[in-house]
Protein backbone atom coordinates (compact mmCIF):
# COMPACT_ATOMS: atom_id res chain seq x y z
CA UNK A 1 -11.24 -38.09 107.48
CA UNK A 2 -8.67 -34.81 110.10
CA UNK A 3 -5.74 -35.64 110.42
CA UNK A 4 -3.86 -34.52 113.94
CA UNK A 5 -0.55 -34.47 114.81
CA UNK A 6 1.55 -36.12 116.62
CA UNK A 7 1.56 -34.82 119.99
CA UNK A 8 3.79 -36.17 122.74
CA UNK A 9 2.59 -36.15 126.30
CA UNK A 10 3.87 -33.88 128.84
CA UNK A 11 3.63 -34.04 132.49
CA UNK A 12 3.69 -31.12 134.65
CA UNK A 13 4.73 -32.49 137.70
CA UNK A 14 7.46 -34.47 138.05
CA UNK A 15 9.54 -34.23 134.82
CA UNK A 16 12.31 -32.37 136.62
CA UNK A 17 12.46 -36.09 138.56
CA UNK A 18 12.86 -38.52 135.25
CA UNK A 19 16.31 -37.54 134.81
CA UNK A 20 20.01 -37.01 136.91
CA UNK A 21 20.21 -33.35 134.97
CA UNK A 22 16.51 -32.30 135.07
CA UNK A 23 17.41 -32.61 139.19
CA UNK A 24 20.71 -31.11 139.33
CA UNK A 25 18.88 -27.93 136.95
CA UNK A 26 15.88 -27.49 139.29
CA UNK A 27 18.25 -27.39 142.36
CA UNK A 28 20.42 -25.17 141.06
CA UNK A 29 17.28 -23.00 140.27
CA UNK A 30 16.57 -23.14 143.56
CA UNK A 31 20.12 -22.25 144.73
CA UNK A 32 19.14 -18.93 142.78
CA UNK A 33 16.01 -18.12 145.82
CA UNK A 34 18.13 -19.29 149.23
CA UNK A 35 20.49 -16.56 147.51
CA UNK A 36 18.16 -13.89 146.88
CA UNK A 37 16.10 -14.18 149.91
CA UNK A 38 19.97 -14.10 151.58
CA UNK A 39 20.73 -10.33 150.11
CA UNK A 40 17.02 -9.36 150.61
CA UNK A 41 18.27 -9.93 154.03
CA UNK A 42 21.07 -8.56 154.29
CA UNK A 43 19.58 -5.45 153.25
CA UNK A 44 17.77 -5.63 155.96
CA UNK A 45 20.32 -5.69 158.06
CA UNK A 46 21.51 -2.65 156.47
CA UNK A 47 18.29 -0.87 157.13
CA UNK A 48 17.74 -2.30 160.61
CA UNK A 49 22.43 -1.03 161.08
CA UNK A 50 21.09 2.47 160.09
CA UNK A 51 18.15 2.25 163.39
CA UNK A 52 20.97 2.69 165.26
CA UNK A 53 23.31 -0.48 167.97
CA UNK A 54 19.91 -1.95 169.68
CA UNK A 55 17.39 -2.50 166.48
CA UNK A 56 20.52 -4.03 165.19
CA UNK A 57 21.73 -6.00 167.89
CA UNK A 58 18.48 -7.06 167.73
CA UNK A 59 18.71 -7.84 164.23
CA UNK A 60 21.91 -10.09 165.31
CA UNK A 61 20.80 -11.68 167.70
CA UNK A 62 17.71 -13.36 164.49
CA UNK A 63 20.57 -15.12 162.72
CA UNK A 64 22.05 -16.85 165.36
CA UNK A 65 19.22 -18.03 167.10
CA UNK A 66 18.50 -21.74 165.26
CA UNK A 67 16.08 -20.73 162.83
CA UNK A 68 18.56 -18.21 161.10
CA UNK A 69 21.23 -19.97 161.68
CA UNK A 70 19.94 -22.92 160.03
CA UNK A 71 18.43 -20.16 156.66
CA UNK A 72 22.32 -19.28 157.34
CA UNK A 73 24.24 -23.04 156.69
CA UNK A 74 21.41 -23.01 153.89
CA UNK A 75 22.12 -20.58 152.37
CA UNK A 76 26.07 -21.38 151.83
CA UNK A 77 25.12 -25.07 150.64
CA UNK A 78 23.19 -23.74 148.31
CA UNK A 79 25.69 -21.37 147.67
CA UNK A 80 28.26 -23.41 147.19
CA UNK A 81 26.38 -25.50 145.14
CA UNK A 82 25.80 -22.36 142.80
CA UNK A 83 29.28 -22.03 142.14
CA UNK A 84 30.90 -25.29 141.24
CA UNK A 85 27.25 -24.98 138.55
CA UNK A 86 28.88 -22.14 137.48
CA UNK A 87 32.50 -22.81 137.03
CA UNK A 88 32.26 -25.75 135.92
CA UNK A 89 29.97 -24.38 132.88
CA UNK A 90 32.18 -21.61 132.63
CA UNK A 91 34.91 -22.73 129.89
CA UNK A 92 31.25 -23.17 127.56
CA UNK A 93 30.37 -19.50 128.07
CA UNK A 94 33.56 -17.77 128.03
CA UNK A 95 36.91 -19.44 125.78
CA UNK A 96 39.76 -18.08 125.68
CA UNK A 97 41.69 -17.95 122.67
CA UNK A 98 45.49 -17.39 123.63
CA UNK A 99 47.54 -17.20 121.12
CA UNK A 100 45.44 -19.26 118.11
CA UNK A 101 45.51 -21.96 120.29
CA UNK A 102 42.23 -22.15 122.92
CA UNK A 103 42.63 -22.37 126.93
CA UNK A 104 41.65 -25.81 128.03
CA UNK A 105 38.67 -25.66 130.31
CA UNK A 106 40.64 -27.56 133.62
CA UNK A 107 42.19 -24.30 133.57
CA UNK A 108 40.26 -21.32 133.80
CA UNK A 109 38.44 -23.25 135.77
CA UNK A 110 40.24 -23.93 138.13
CA UNK A 111 41.31 -20.57 137.58
CA UNK A 112 38.25 -19.01 138.66
CA UNK A 113 38.51 -21.34 141.76
CA UNK A 114 42.43 -20.05 142.65
CA UNK A 115 40.94 -16.22 142.98
CA UNK A 116 37.14 -16.99 144.87
CA UNK A 117 40.02 -18.52 147.06
CA UNK A 118 42.47 -16.20 147.35
CA UNK A 119 39.72 -13.55 147.32
CA UNK A 120 38.62 -15.00 150.12
CA UNK A 121 41.39 -15.01 152.35
CA UNK A 122 42.25 -11.42 151.70
CA UNK A 123 38.22 -11.20 152.85
CA UNK A 124 39.14 -13.07 155.88
CA UNK A 125 42.58 -12.35 156.13
CA UNK A 126 41.11 -7.97 156.79
CA UNK A 127 38.03 -8.70 159.49
CA UNK A 128 40.95 -10.58 160.73
CA UNK A 129 42.80 -7.96 161.41
CA UNK A 130 39.79 -5.65 161.92
């Protein structure tokens, strides 16, 4: 009589739908793909800019079309979700100790949001002034 170790059955499809945290994890991972694709799109835009005004205008026209606008909107939503989840995990990944006491996590998260808002406002002001 042979004894075999118990092997728990593993579902290869849909496992990430079984719990909310798995779904949120997969959504975060999917957001990385969109952010990567947007980065490649921006690099392509720089390439088109190096080719001259007409080529860059064609690139901008592509972005302003229905498909380009939809892609940018979806990428923005994924980017916002990615940022939110990253800021939420920051106190665990980067615990800060001041004067021998650990800084509360909500202060670390708040500092990140304030920093993001300040940098965004500075870039917006710079872009409007240009």
